[in-house]
PDB file of N, CA and C in Angstrom:
ATOM      1  N   MET A   1      48.426   4.430-130.252  1.00  0.00           N
ATOM      2  CA  MET A   1      48.540   3.436-131.298  1.00  0.00           C
ATOM      3  C   MET A   1      49.352   2.230-130.813  1.00  0.00           C
ATOM      4  N   LEU A   2      50.478   2.478-130.134  1.00  0.00           N
ATOM      5  CA  LEU A   2      51.289   1.380-129.612  1.00  0.00           C
ATOM      6  C   LEU A   2      50.551   0.612-128.519  1.00  0.00           C
ATOM      7  N   ALA A   3      49.714   1.293-127.747  1.00  0.00           N
ATOM      8  CA  ALA A   3      48.948   0.629-126.694  1.00  0.00           C
ATOM      9  C   ALA A   3      47.986  -0.382-127.294  1.00  0.00           C
ATOM     10  N   ASN A   4      47.338   0.002-128.407  1.00  0.00           N
ATOM     11  CA  ASN A   4      46.419  -0.928-129.085  1.00  0.00           C
ATOM     12  C   ASN A   4      47.170  -2.137-129.642  1.00  0.00           C
ATOM     13  N   LEU A   5      48.359  -1.887-130.174  1.00  0.00           N
ATOM     14  CA  LEU A   5      49.174  -2.979-130.710  1.00  0.00           C
ATOM     15  C   LEU A   5      49.593  -3.933-129.592  1.00  0.00           C
ATOM     16  N   ASP A   6      49.987  -3.404-128.438  1.00  0.00           N
ATOM     17  CA  ASP A   6      50.357  -4.238-127.289  1.00  0.00           C
ATOM     18  C   ASP A   6      49.185  -5.075-126.803  1.00  0.00           C
ATOM     19  N   ILE A   7      48.002  -4.483-126.767  1.00  0.00           N
ATOM     20  CA  ILE A   7      46.810  -5.217-126.320  1.00  0.00           C
ATOM     21  C   ILE A   7      46.501  -6.345-127.295  1.00  0.00           C
ATOM     22  N   ARG A   8      46.590  -6.046-128.600  1.00  0.00           N
ATOM     23  CA  ARG A   8      46.339  -7.085-129.607  1.00  0.00           C
ATOM     24  C   ARG A   8      47.377  -8.199-129.507  1.00  0.00           C
ATOM     25  N   MET A   9      48.631  -7.863-129.287  1.00  0.00           N
ATOM     26  CA  MET A   9      49.685  -8.874-129.161  1.00  0.00           C
ATOM     27  C   MET A   9      49.462  -9.737-127.926  1.00  0.00           C
ATOM     28  N   ASN A  10      49.048  -9.101-126.826  1.00  0.00           N
ATOM     29  CA  ASN A  10      48.770  -9.868-125.609  1.00  0.00           C
ATOM     30  C   ASN A  10      47.598 -10.829-125.825  1.00  0.00           C
ATOM     31  N   LYS A  11      46.549 -10.346-126.504  1.00  0.00           N
ATOM     32  CA  LYS A  11      45.397 -11.206-126.798  1.00  0.00           C
ATOM     33  C   LYS A  11      45.823 -12.358-127.708  1.00  0.00           C
ATOM     34  N   LEU A  12      46.622 -12.044-128.712  1.00  0.00           N
ATOM     35  CA  LEU A  12      47.108 -13.076-129.621  1.00  0.00           C
ATOM     36  C   LEU A  12      47.948 -14.111-128.874  1.00  0.00           C
ATOM     37  N   ASN A  13      48.817 -13.654-127.982  1.00  0.00           N
ATOM     38  CA  ASN A  13      49.633 -14.583-127.186  1.00  0.00           C
ATOM     39  C   ASN A  13      48.767 -15.472-126.304  1.00  0.00           C
ATOM     40  N   ILE A  14      47.743 -14.887-125.715  1.00  0.00           N
ATOM     41  CA  ILE A  14      46.843 -15.669-124.850  1.00  0.00           C
ATOM     42  C   ILE A  14      46.090 -16.700-125.688  1.00  0.00           C
ATOM     43  N   ILE A  15      45.606 -16.286-126.849  1.00  0.00           N
ATOM     44  CA  ILE A  15      44.887 -17.221-127.732  1.00  0.00           C
ATOM     45  C   ILE A  15      45.810 -18.349-128.177  1.00  0.00           C
ATOM     46  N   LEU A  16      47.036 -18.019-128.555  1.00  0.00           N
ATOM     47  CA  LEU A  16      47.997 -19.052-128.964  1.00  0.00           C
ATOM     48  C   LEU A  16      48.326 -19.990-127.805  1.00  0.00           C
ATOM     49  N   LEU A  17      48.430 -19.435-126.621  1.00  0.00           N
ATOM     50  CA  LEU A  17      48.698 -20.262-125.439  1.00  0.00           C
ATOM     51  C   LEU A  17      47.545 -21.230-125.186  1.00  0.00           C
ATOM     52  N   ILE A  18      46.325 -20.747-125.304  1.00  0.00           N
ATOM     53  CA  ILE A  18      45.147 -21.601-125.086  1.00  0.00           C
ATOM     54  C   ILE A  18      45.075 -22.687-126.160  1.00  0.00           C
ATOM     55  N   ILE A  19      45.302 -22.306-127.412  1.00  0.00           N
ATOM     56  CA  ILE A  19      45.279 -23.297-128.490  1.00  0.00           C
ATOM     57  C   ILE A  19      46.369 -24.348-128.274  1.00  0.00           C
ATOM     58  N   SER A  20      47.557 -23.911-127.878  1.00  0.00           N
ATOM     59  CA  SER A  20      48.649 -24.853-127.605  1.00  0.00           C
ATOM     60  C   SER A  20      48.273 -25.812-126.483  1.00  0.00           C
ATOM     61  N   PHE A  21      47.646 -25.276-125.446  1.00  0.00           N
ATOM     62  CA  PHE A  21      47.230 -26.115-124.321  1.00  0.00           C
ATOM     63  C   PHE A  21      46.261 -27.201-124.790  1.00  0.00           C
ATOM     64  N   PHE A  22      45.261 -26.813-125.614  1.00  0.00           N
ATOM     65  CA  PHE A  22      44.287 -27.790-126.091  1.00  0.00           C
ATOM     66  C   PHE A  22      44.922 -28.832-127.005  1.00  0.00           C
ATOM     67  N   VAL A  23      45.826 -28.399-127.849  1.00  0.00           N
ATOM     68  CA  VAL A  23      46.489 -29.347-128.756  1.00  0.00           C
ATOM     69  C   VAL A  23      47.291 -30.361-127.949  1.00  0.00           C
ATOM     70  N   ILE A  24      48.024 -29.880-126.954  1.00  0.00           N
ATOM     71  CA  ILE A  24      48.842 -30.784-126.136  1.00  0.00           C
ATOM     72  C   ILE A  24      47.965 -31.690-125.289  1.00  0.00           C
ATOM     73  N   SER A  25      46.923 -31.147-124.684  1.00  0.00           N
ATOM     74  CA  SER A  25      46.088 -31.964-123.799  1.00  0.00           C
ATOM     75  C   SER A  25      45.233 -32.959-124.566  1.00  0.00           C
ATOM     76  N   CYS A  26      44.918 -32.667-125.814  1.00  0.00           N
ATOM     77  CA  CYS A  26      44.084 -33.574-126.605  1.00  0.00           C
ATOM     78  C   CYS A  26      44.905 -34.579-127.400  1.00  0.00           C
ATOM     79  N   SER A  27      46.212 -34.443-127.372  1.00  0.00           N
ATOM     80  CA  SER A  27      47.028 -35.411-128.095  1.00  0.00           C
ATOM     81  C   SER A  27      46.886 -36.770-127.444  1.00  0.00           C
ATOM     82  N   ASN A  28      47.096 -37.826-128.211  1.00  0.00           N
ATOM     83  CA  ASN A  28      46.900 -39.185-127.730  1.00  0.00           C
ATOM     84  C   ASN A  28      48.128 -39.628-126.944  1.00  0.00           C
ATOM     85  N   LYS A  29      48.125 -39.350-125.644  1.00  0.00           N
ATOM     86  CA  LYS A  29      49.255 -39.680-124.795  1.00  0.00           C
ATOM     87  C   LYS A  29      49.320 -41.159-124.461  1.00  0.00           C
ATOM     88  N   ASN A  30      48.198 -41.862-124.460  1.00  0.00           N
ATOM     89  CA  ASN A  30      48.157 -43.243-123.992  1.00  0.00           C
ATOM     90  C   ASN A  30      49.003 -44.199-124.817  1.00  0.00           C
ATOM     91  N   GLU A  31      49.134 -43.943-126.114  1.00  0.00           N
ATOM     92  CA  GLU A  31      49.867 -44.881-126.947  1.00  0.00           C
ATOM     93  C   GLU A  31      51.364 -44.877-126.640  1.00  0.00           C
ATOM     94  N   SER A  32      51.865 -43.795-126.076  1.00  0.00           N
ATOM     95  CA  SER A  32      53.297 -43.724-125.819  1.00  0.00           C
ATOM     96  C   SER A  32      53.639 -43.984-124.353  1.00  0.00           C
ATOM     97  N   THR A  33      52.640 -44.195-123.508  1.00  0.00           N
ATOM     98  CA  THR A  33      52.931 -44.439-122.106  1.00  0.00           C
ATOM     99  C   THR A  33      53.418 -45.866-121.924  1.00  0.00           C
ATOM    100  N   PRO A  34      54.314 -46.073-120.967  1.00  0.00           N
ATOM    101  CA  PRO A  34      54.867 -47.411-120.780  1.00  0.00           C
ATOM    102  C   PRO A  34      53.832 -48.445-120.328  1.00  0.00           C
ATOM    103  N   GLU A  35      52.697 -47.992-119.790  1.00  0.00           N
ATOM    104  CA  GLU A  35      51.687 -48.937-119.320  1.00  0.00           C
ATOM    105  C   GLU A  35      50.942 -49.608-120.462  1.00  0.00           C
ATOM    106  N   ILE A  36      50.937 -48.977-121.642  1.00  0.00           N
ATOM    107  CA  ILE A  36      50.224 -49.521-122.788  1.00  0.00           C
ATOM    108  C   ILE A  36      51.181 -50.407-123.589  1.00  0.00           C
ATOM    109  N   ILE A  37      50.784 -51.654-123.768  1.00  0.00           N
ATOM    110  CA  ILE A  37      51.616 -52.618-124.489  1.00  0.00           C
ATOM    111  C   ILE A  37      51.537 -52.322-125.981  1.00  0.00           C
ATOM    112  N   GLU A  38      52.671 -52.353-126.643  1.00  0.00           N
ATOM    113  CA  GLU A  38      52.751 -52.097-128.079  1.00  0.00           C
ATOM    114  C   GLU A  38      51.880 -53.113-128.818  1.00  0.00           C
ATOM    115  N   LYS A  39      51.245 -52.677-129.909  1.00  0.00           N
ATOM    116  CA  LYS A  39      50.204 -53.460-130.586  1.00  0.00           C
ATOM    117  C   LYS A  39      50.673 -54.843-131.043  1.00  0.00           C
ATOM    118  N   ASN A  40      51.814 -54.952-131.705  1.00  0.00           N
ATOM    119  CA  ASN A  40      52.270 -56.263-132.194  1.00  0.00           C
ATOM    120  C   ASN A  40      52.574 -57.211-131.035  1.00  0.00           C
ATOM    121  N   LYS A  41      53.195 -56.672-130.009  1.00  0.00           N
ATOM    122  CA  LYS A  41      53.494 -57.464-128.809  1.00  0.00           C
ATOM    123  C   LYS A  41      52.193 -57.905-128.143  1.00  0.00           C
ATOM    124  N   LEU A  42      51.218 -56.991-128.097  1.00  0.00           N
ATOM    125  CA  LEU A  42      49.921 -57.299-127.493  1.00  0.00           C
ATOM    126  C   LEU A  42      49.205 -58.405-128.256  1.00  0.00           C
ATOM    127  N   CYS A  43      49.257 -58.359-129.583  1.00  0.00           N
ATOM    128  CA  CYS A  43      48.619 -59.413-130.388  1.00  0.00           C
ATOM    129  C   CYS A  43      49.224 -60.779-130.076  1.00  0.00           C
ATOM    130  N   SER A  44      50.528 -60.835-130.008  1.00  0.00           N
ATOM    131  CA  SER A  44      51.197 -62.112-129.697  1.00  0.00           C
ATOM    132  C   SER A  44      50.876 -62.572-128.281  1.00  0.00           C
ATOM    133  N   LEU A  45      50.877 -61.645-127.338  1.00  0.00           N
ATOM    134  CA  LEU A  45      50.556 -61.958-125.944  1.00  0.00           C
ATOM    135  C   LEU A  45      49.138 -62.507-125.841  1.00  0.00           C
ATOM    136  N   LEU A  46      48.179 -61.820-126.441  1.00  0.00           N
ATOM    137  CA  LEU A  46      46.786 -62.269-126.383  1.00  0.00           C
ATOM    138  C   LEU A  46      46.607 -63.615-127.080  1.00  0.00           C
ATOM    139  N   THR A  47      47.313 -63.808-128.176  1.00  0.00           N
ATOM    140  CA  THR A  47      47.251 -65.097-128.877  1.00  0.00           C
ATOM    141  C   THR A  47      47.688 -66.225-127.951  1.00  0.00           C
ATOM    142  N   ASP A  48      48.826 -66.049-127.305  1.00  0.00           N
ATOM    143  CA  ASP A  48      49.332 -67.083-126.394  1.00  0.00           C
ATOM    144  C   ASP A  48      48.407 -67.280-125.196  1.00  0.00           C
ATOM    145  N   LEU A  49      47.872 -66.196-124.647  1.00  0.00           N
ATOM    146  CA  LEU A  49      46.960 -66.314-123.502  1.00  0.00           C
ATOM    147  C   LEU A  49      45.682 -67.052-123.896  1.00  0.00           C
ATOM    148  N   HIS A  50      45.153 -66.777-125.068  1.00  0.00           N
ATOM    149  CA  HIS A  50      43.931 -67.458-125.512  1.00  0.00           C
ATOM    150  C   HIS A  50      44.194 -68.932-125.810  1.00  0.00           C
ATOM    151  N   ILE A  51      45.337 -69.234-126.389  1.00  0.00           N
ATOM    152  CA  ILE A  51      45.675 -70.643-126.643  1.00  0.00           C
ATOM    153  C   ILE A  51      45.833 -71.386-125.318  1.00  0.00           C
ATOM    154  N   ALA A  52      46.496 -70.771-124.353  1.00  0.00           N
ATOM    155  CA  ALA A  52      46.667 -71.402-123.033  1.00  0.00           C
ATOM    156  C   ALA A  52      45.314 -71.603-122.352  1.00  0.00           C
ATOM    157  N   SER A  53      44.455 -70.620-122.454  1.00  0.00           N
ATOM    158  CA  SER A  53      43.124 -70.723-121.854  1.00  0.00           C
ATOM    159  C   SER A  53      42.331 -71.864-122.501  1.00  0.00           C
ATOM    160  N   SER A  54      42.423 -71.967-123.811  1.00  0.00           N
ATOM    161  CA  SER A  54      41.733 -73.059-124.515  1.00  0.00           C
ATOM    162  C   SER A  54      42.312 -74.415-124.135  1.00  0.00           C
ATOM    163  N   ALA A  55      43.621 -74.479-123.993  1.00  0.00           N
ATOM    164  CA  ALA A  55      44.265 -75.733-123.597  1.00  0.00           C
ATOM    165  C   ALA A  55      43.771 -76.175-122.221  1.00  0.00           C
ATOM    166  N   LYS A  56      43.627 -75.231-121.307  1.00  0.00           N
ATOM    167  CA  LYS A  56      43.096 -75.552-119.972  1.00  0.00           C
ATOM    168  C   LYS A  56      41.660 -76.033-120.075  1.00  0.00           C
ATOM    169  N   ARG A  57      40.861 -75.273-120.834  1.00  0.00           N
ATOM    170  CA  ARG A  57      39.431 -75.588-120.953  1.00  0.00           C
ATOM    171  C   ARG A  57      39.194 -76.933-121.640  1.00  0.00           C
ATOM    172  N   LEU A  58      40.043 -77.284-122.603  1.00  0.00           N
ATOM    173  CA  LEU A  58      39.882 -78.539-123.333  1.00  0.00           C
ATOM    174  C   LEU A  58      40.535 -79.723-122.632  1.00  0.00           C
ATOM    175  N   GLY A  59      41.165 -79.462-121.494  1.00  0.00           N
ATOM    176  CA  GLY A  59      41.725 -80.545-120.704  1.00  0.00           C
ATOM    177  C   GLY A  59      43.141 -80.953-121.066  1.00  0.00           C
ATOM    178  N   PHE A  60      43.832 -80.148-121.861  1.00  0.00           N
ATOM    179  CA  PHE A  60      45.222 -80.469-122.182  1.00  0.00           C
ATOM    180  C   PHE A  60      46.147 -80.208-121.000  1.00  0.00           C
ATOM    181  N   LEU A  61      45.673 -79.414-120.060  1.00  0.00           N
ATOM    182  CA  LEU A  61      46.393 -79.213-118.801  1.00  0.00           C
ATOM    183  C   LEU A  61      45.536 -79.831-117.705  1.00  0.00           C
ATOM    184  N   ASN A  62      46.150 -80.594-116.859  1.00  0.00           N
ATOM    185  CA  ASN A  62      45.430 -81.265-115.788  1.00  0.00           C
ATOM    186  C   ASN A  62      44.831 -80.219-114.836  1.00  0.00           C
ATOM    187  N   PRO A  63      43.495 -80.185-114.711  1.00  0.00           N
ATOM    188  CA  PRO A  63      42.864 -79.183-113.848  1.00  0.00           C
ATOM    189  C   PRO A  63      43.246 -79.332-112.375  1.00  0.00           C
ATOM    190  N   LYS A  64      43.682 -80.541-111.972  1.00  0.00           N
ATOM    191  CA  LYS A  64      44.095 -80.746-110.581  1.00  0.00           C
ATOM    192  C   LYS A  64      45.466 -80.151-110.306  1.00  0.00           C
ATOM    193  N   ASP A  65      46.219 -79.897-111.345  1.00  0.00           N
ATOM    194  CA  ASP A  65      47.563 -79.334-111.195  1.00  0.00           C
ATOM    195  C   ASP A  65      47.469 -77.802-111.222  1.00  0.00           C
ATOM    196  N   THR A  66      46.916 -77.235-110.146  1.00  0.00           N
ATOM    197  CA  THR A  66      46.669 -75.792-110.111  1.00  0.00           C
ATOM    198  C   THR A  66      47.957 -74.977-110.141  1.00  0.00           C
ATOM    199  N   ILE A  67      49.024 -75.523-109.577  1.00  0.00           N
ATOM    200  CA  ILE A  67      50.300 -74.793-109.593  1.00  0.00           C
ATOM    201  C   ILE A  67      50.775 -74.634-111.034  1.00  0.00           C
ATOM    202  N   LYS A  68      50.741 -75.716-111.789  1.00  0.00           N
ATOM    203  CA  LYS A  68      51.180 -75.666-113.182  1.00  0.00           C
ATOM    204  C   LYS A  68      50.270 -74.756-114.000  1.00  0.00           C
ATOM    205  N   ASN A  69      48.966 -74.840-113.773  1.00  0.00           N
ATOM    206  CA  ASN A  69      48.013 -74.022-114.518  1.00  0.00           C
ATOM    207  C   ASN A  69      48.201 -72.535-114.252  1.00  0.00           C
ATOM    208  N   SER A  70      48.431 -72.152-113.016  1.00  0.00           N
ATOM    209  CA  SER A  70      48.612 -70.731-112.707  1.00  0.00           C
ATOM    210  C   SER A  70      49.949 -70.225-113.233  1.00  0.00           C
ATOM    211  N   ASN A  71      50.924 -71.118-113.337  1.00  0.00           N
ATOM    212  CA  ASN A  71      52.230 -70.710-113.842  1.00  0.00           C
ATOM    213  C   ASN A  71      52.237 -70.474-115.347  1.00  0.00           C
ATOM    214  N   VAL A  72      51.288 -71.047-116.068  1.00  0.00           N
ATOM    215  CA  VAL A  72      51.253 -70.883-117.519  1.00  0.00           C
ATOM    216  C   VAL A  72      51.137 -69.406-117.870  1.00  0.00           C
ATOM    217  N   ASN A  73      50.182 -68.717-117.279  1.00  0.00           N
ATOM    218  CA  ASN A  73      50.011 -67.291-117.564  1.00  0.00           C
ATOM    219  C   ASN A  73      51.229 -66.491-117.115  1.00  0.00           C
ATOM    220  N   LYS A  74      51.792 -66.852-115.973  1.00  0.00           N
ATOM    221  CA  LYS A  74      52.997 -66.153-115.503  1.00  0.00           C
ATOM    222  C   LYS A  74      54.136 -66.306-116.497  1.00  0.00           C
ATOM    223  N   LEU A  75      54.281 -67.496-117.047  1.00  0.00           N
ATOM    224  CA  LEU A  75      55.326 -67.733-118.045  1.00  0.00           C
ATOM    225  C   LEU A  75      55.082 -66.931-119.323  1.00  0.00           C
ATOM    226  N   ILE A  76      53.831 -66.830-119.703  1.00  0.00           N
ATOM    227  CA  ILE A  76      53.499 -66.045-120.899  1.00  0.00           C
ATOM    228  C   ILE A  76      53.820 -64.569-120.673  1.00  0.00           C
ATOM    229  N   PHE A  77      53.434 -64.043-119.510  1.00  0.00           N
ATOM    230  CA  PHE A  77      53.753 -62.643-119.208  1.00  0.00           C
ATOM    231  C   PHE A  77      55.264 -62.428-119.169  1.00  0.00           C
ATOM    232  N   LYS A  78      55.975 -63.400-118.621  1.00  0.00           N
ATOM    233  CA  LYS A  78      57.440 -63.289-118.568  1.00  0.00           C
ATOM    234  C   LYS A  78      58.031 -63.308-119.975  1.00  0.00           C
ATOM    235  N   LYS A  79      57.496 -64.168-120.836  1.00  0.00           N
ATOM    236  CA  LYS A  79      57.970 -64.272-122.218  1.00  0.00           C
ATOM    237  C   LYS A  79      57.890 -62.922-122.927  1.00  0.00           C
ATOM    238  N   TYR A  80      56.823 -62.168-122.653  1.00  0.00           N
ATOM    239  CA  TYR A  80      56.618 -60.878-123.310  1.00  0.00           C
ATOM    240  C   TYR A  80      57.063 -59.694-122.444  1.00  0.00           C
ATOM    241  N   ASN A  81      57.729 -60.008-121.338  1.00  0.00           N
ATOM    242  CA  ASN A  81      58.268 -58.972-120.448  1.00  0.00           C
ATOM    243  C   ASN A  81      57.194 -57.951-120.074  1.00  0.00           C
ATOM    244  N   THR A  82      56.072 -58.457-119.602  1.00  0.00           N
ATOM    245  CA  THR A  82      54.959 -57.602-119.215  1.00  0.00           C
ATOM    246  C   THR A  82      54.259 -58.196-117.996  1.00  0.00           C
ATOM    247  N   THR A  83      53.222 -57.543-117.528  1.00  0.00           N
ATOM    248  CA  THR A  83      52.496 -58.010-116.349  1.00  0.00           C
ATOM    249  C   THR A  83      50.995 -58.016-116.622  1.00  0.00           C
ATOM    250  N   ALA A  84      50.270 -58.674-115.748  1.00  0.00           N
ATOM    251  CA  ALA A  84      48.811 -58.685-115.855  1.00  0.00           C
ATOM    252  C   ALA A  84      48.263 -57.269-115.676  1.00  0.00           C
ATOM    253  N   LEU A  85      48.899 -56.487-114.829  1.00  0.00           N
ATOM    254  CA  LEU A  85      48.469 -55.102-114.616  1.00  0.00           C
ATOM    255  C   LEU A  85      48.621 -54.281-115.900  1.00  0.00           C
ATOM    256  N   GLN A  86      49.745 -54.456-116.587  1.00  0.00           N
ATOM    257  CA  GLN A  86      49.941 -53.757-117.863  1.00  0.00           C
ATOM    258  C   GLN A  86      48.889 -54.193-118.881  1.00  0.00           C
ATOM    259  N   LEU A  87      48.588 -55.485-118.903  1.00  0.00           N
ATOM    260  CA  LEU A  87      47.575 -55.984-119.823  1.00  0.00           C
ATOM    261  C   LEU A  87      46.220 -55.365-119.496  1.00  0.00           C
ATOM    262  N   ASN A  88      45.877 -55.295-118.224  1.00  0.00           N
ATOM    263  CA  ASN A  88      44.597 -54.697-117.830  1.00  0.00           C
ATOM    264  C   ASN A  88      44.520 -53.228-118.233  1.00  0.00           C
ATOM    265  N   LYS A  89      45.603 -52.486-118.041  1.00  0.00           N
ATOM    266  CA  LYS A  89      45.623 -51.072-118.444  1.00  0.00           C
ATOM    267  C   LYS A  89      45.497 -50.938-119.957  1.00  0.00           C
ATOM    268  N   THR A  90      46.140 -51.837-120.671  1.00  0.00           N
ATOM    269  CA  THR A  90      46.081 -51.803-122.125  1.00  0.00           C
ATOM    270  C   THR A  90      44.672 -52.124-122.616  1.00  0.00           C
ATOM    271  N   ILE A  91      44.052 -53.130-122.024  1.00  0.00           N
ATOM    272  CA  ILE A  91      42.684 -53.488-122.404  1.00  0.00           C
ATOM    273  C   ILE A  91      41.731 -52.347-122.065  1.00  0.00           C
ATOM    274  N   SER A  92      41.963 -51.677-120.942  1.00  0.00           N
ATOM    275  CA  SER A  92      41.142 -50.516-120.591  1.00  0.00           C
ATOM    276  C   SER A  92      41.274 -49.424-121.643  1.00  0.00           C
ATOM    277  N   TYR A  93      42.499 -49.199-122.091  1.00  0.00           N
ATOM    278  CA  TYR A  93      42.729 -48.207-123.144  1.00  0.00           C
ATOM    279  C   TYR A  93      41.978 -48.596-124.414  1.00  0.00           C
ATOM    280  N   TYR A  94      42.132 -49.851-124.841  1.00  0.00           N
ATOM    281  CA  TYR A  94      41.490 -50.297-126.074  1.00  0.00           C
ATOM    282  C   TYR A  94      39.968 -50.343-125.947  1.00  0.00           C
ATOM    283  N   SER A  95      39.445 -50.544-124.747  1.00  0.00           N
ATOM    284  CA  SER A  95      37.992 -50.564-124.584  1.00  0.00           C
ATOM    285  C   SER A  95      37.395 -49.180-124.833  1.00  0.00           C
ATOM    286  N   GLN A  96      38.226 -48.150-124.710  1.00  0.00           N
ATOM    287  CA  GLN A  96      37.775 -46.788-125.024  1.00  0.00           C
ATOM    288  C   GLN A  96      37.928 -46.489-126.515  1.00  0.00           C
ATOM    289  N   HIS A  97      38.556 -47.397-127.248  1.00  0.00           N
ATOM    290  CA  HIS A  97      38.770 -47.257-128.690  1.00  0.00           C
ATOM    291  C   HIS A  97      38.309 -48.545-129.375  1.00  0.00           C
ATOM    292  N   PRO A  98      36.978 -48.748-129.473  1.00  0.00           N
ATOM    293  CA  PRO A  98      36.451 -50.032-129.948  1.00  0.00           C
ATOM    294  C   PRO A  98      36.896 -50.425-131.355  1.00  0.00           C
ATOM    295  N   ASP A  99      37.089 -49.453-132.236  1.00  0.00           N
ATOM    296  CA  ASP A  99      37.534 -49.803-133.591  1.00  0.00           C
ATOM    297  C   ASP A  99      38.942 -50.391-133.554  1.00  0.00           C
ATOM    298  N   SER A 100      39.799 -49.824-132.717  1.00  0.00           N
ATOM    299  CA  SER A 100      41.159 -50.351-132.571  1.00  0.00           C
ATOM    300  C   SER A 100      41.136 -51.727-131.921  1.00  0.00           C
ATOM    301  N   LEU A 101      40.247 -51.909-130.941  1.00  0.00           N
ATOM    302  CA  LEU A 101      40.125 -53.204-130.274  1.00  0.00           C
ATOM    303  C   LEU A 101      39.641 -54.266-131.264  1.00  0.00           C
ATOM    304  N   ASN A 102      38.693 -53.910-132.105  1.00  0.00           N
ATOM    305  CA  ASN A 102      38.197 -54.842-133.108  1.00  0.00           C
ATOM    306  C   ASN A 102      39.308 -55.238-134.081  1.00  0.00           C
ATOM    307  N   ALA A 103      40.064 -54.246-134.545  1.00  0.00           N
ATOM    308  CA  ALA A 103      41.183 -54.526-135.463  1.00  0.00           C
ATOM    309  C   ALA A 103      42.232 -55.401-134.788  1.00  0.00           C
ATOM    310  N   LEU A 104      42.474 -55.147-133.513  1.00  0.00           N
ATOM    311  CA  LEU A 104      43.431 -55.935-132.743  1.00  0.00           C
ATOM    312  C   LEU A 104      42.996 -57.399-132.688  1.00  0.00           C
ATOM    313  N   TYR A 105      41.719 -57.623-132.383  1.00  0.00           N
ATOM    314  CA  TYR A 105      41.251 -58.999-132.257  1.00  0.00           C
ATOM    315  C   TYR A 105      41.122 -59.706-133.600  1.00  0.00           C
ATOM    316  N   ILE A 106      40.933 -58.966-134.657  1.00  0.00           N
ATOM    317  CA  ILE A 106      40.986 -59.591-135.985  1.00  0.00           C
ATOM    318  C   ILE A 106      42.387 -60.164-136.204  1.00  0.00           C
ATOM    319  N   GLN A 107      43.391 -59.406-135.805  1.00  0.00           N
ATOM    320  CA  GLN A 107      44.778 -59.859-135.935  1.00  0.00           C
ATOM    321  C   GLN A 107      45.041 -61.063-135.020  1.00  0.00           C
ATOM    322  N   VAL A 108      44.504 -61.041-133.814  1.00  0.00           N
ATOM    323  CA  VAL A 108      44.684 -62.166-132.883  1.00  0.00           C
ATOM    324  C   VAL A 108      44.045 -63.429-133.463  1.00  0.00           C
ATOM    325  N   ILE A 109      42.849 -63.292-134.004  1.00  0.00           N
ATOM    326  CA  ILE A 109      42.158 -64.446-134.602  1.00  0.00           C
ATOM    327  C   ILE A 109      42.973 -65.005-135.763  1.00  0.00           C
ATOM    328  N   GLU A 110      43.534 -64.128-136.581  1.00  0.00           N
ATOM    329  CA  GLU A 110      44.378 -64.580-137.693  1.00  0.00           C
ATOM    330  C   GLU A 110      45.607 -65.332-137.185  1.00  0.00           C
ATOM    331  N   MET A 111      46.202 -64.845-136.103  1.00  0.00           N
ATOM    332  CA  MET A 111      47.389 -65.509-135.543  1.00  0.00           C
ATOM    333  C   MET A 111      47.022 -66.878-134.962  1.00  0.00           C
ATOM    334  N   VAL A 112      45.900 -66.956-134.265  1.00  0.00           N
ATOM    335  CA  VAL A 112      45.456 -68.241-133.707  1.00  0.00           C
ATOM    336  C   VAL A 112      45.161 -69.212-134.844  1.00  0.00           C
ATOM    337  N   SER A 113      44.511 -68.736-135.886  1.00  0.00           N
ATOM    338  CA  SER A 113      44.191 -69.591-137.040  1.00  0.00           C
ATOM    339  C   SER A 113      45.453 -70.091-137.727  1.00  0.00           C
ATOM    340  N   ALA A 114      46.463 -69.225-137.835  1.00  0.00           N
ATOM    341  CA  ALA A 114      47.733 -69.635-138.455  1.00  0.00           C
ATOM    342  C   ALA A 114      48.418 -70.700-137.619  1.00  0.00           C
ATOM    343  N   LYS A 115      48.390 -70.558-136.302  1.00  0.00           N
ATOM    344  CA  LYS A 115      49.002 -71.580-135.432  1.00  0.00           C
ATOM    345  C   LYS A 115      48.232 -72.881-135.508  1.00  0.00           C
ATOM    346  N   GLN A 116      46.915 -72.770-135.610  1.00  0.00           N
ATOM    347  CA  GLN A 116      46.090 -73.972-135.736  1.00  0.00           C
ATOM    348  C   GLN A 116      46.392 -74.695-137.044  1.00  0.00           C
ATOM    349  N   ALA A 117      46.585 -73.950-138.118  1.00  0.00           N
ATOM    350  CA  ALA A 117      46.902 -74.543-139.417  1.00  0.00           C
ATOM    351  C   ALA A 117      48.250 -75.251-139.396  1.00  0.00           C
ATOM    352  N   GLN A 118      49.189 -74.747-138.601  1.00  0.00           N
ATOM    353  CA  GLN A 118      50.504 -75.395-138.481  1.00  0.00           C
ATOM    354  C   GLN A 118      50.404 -76.761-137.832  1.00  0.00           C
ATOM    355  N   LEU A 119      49.387 -76.947-137.000  1.00  0.00           N
ATOM    356  CA  LEU A 119      49.234 -78.216-136.284  1.00  0.00           C
ATOM    357  C   LEU A 119      48.606 -79.307-137.142  1.00  0.00           C
ATOM    358  N   LYS A 120      47.977 -78.917-138.226  1.00  0.00           N
ATOM    359  CA  LYS A 120      47.284 -79.895-139.082  1.00  0.00           C
ATOM    360  C   LYS A 120      48.243 -80.596-140.005  1.00  0.00           C
TER     361      LYS A 120
END
């Protein structure tokens, strides 16, 4: 009788161990990793990068001044204490979560629109 109880307990322990493994491995680790930029910070970063890109494209920055143009993005990354590599990893993460990416860009569009309204 005790042998059957020990076998059942061992099976139960193994099943609990397997379930624990799946729960831990399936948890969303990417949101807490340092490579992924926090959502509010990312929205502000993307807003500034898109405004800078538009300023370049519309000629507000002299295209012949390549040093100044390349420094704009560097200054933006410095402002948000992040790097282009972190941004790329974050975009890769969000590309695997299209609904989150869509919600993120809705927020970016709202921020760009608010800044545009301030200029009027």
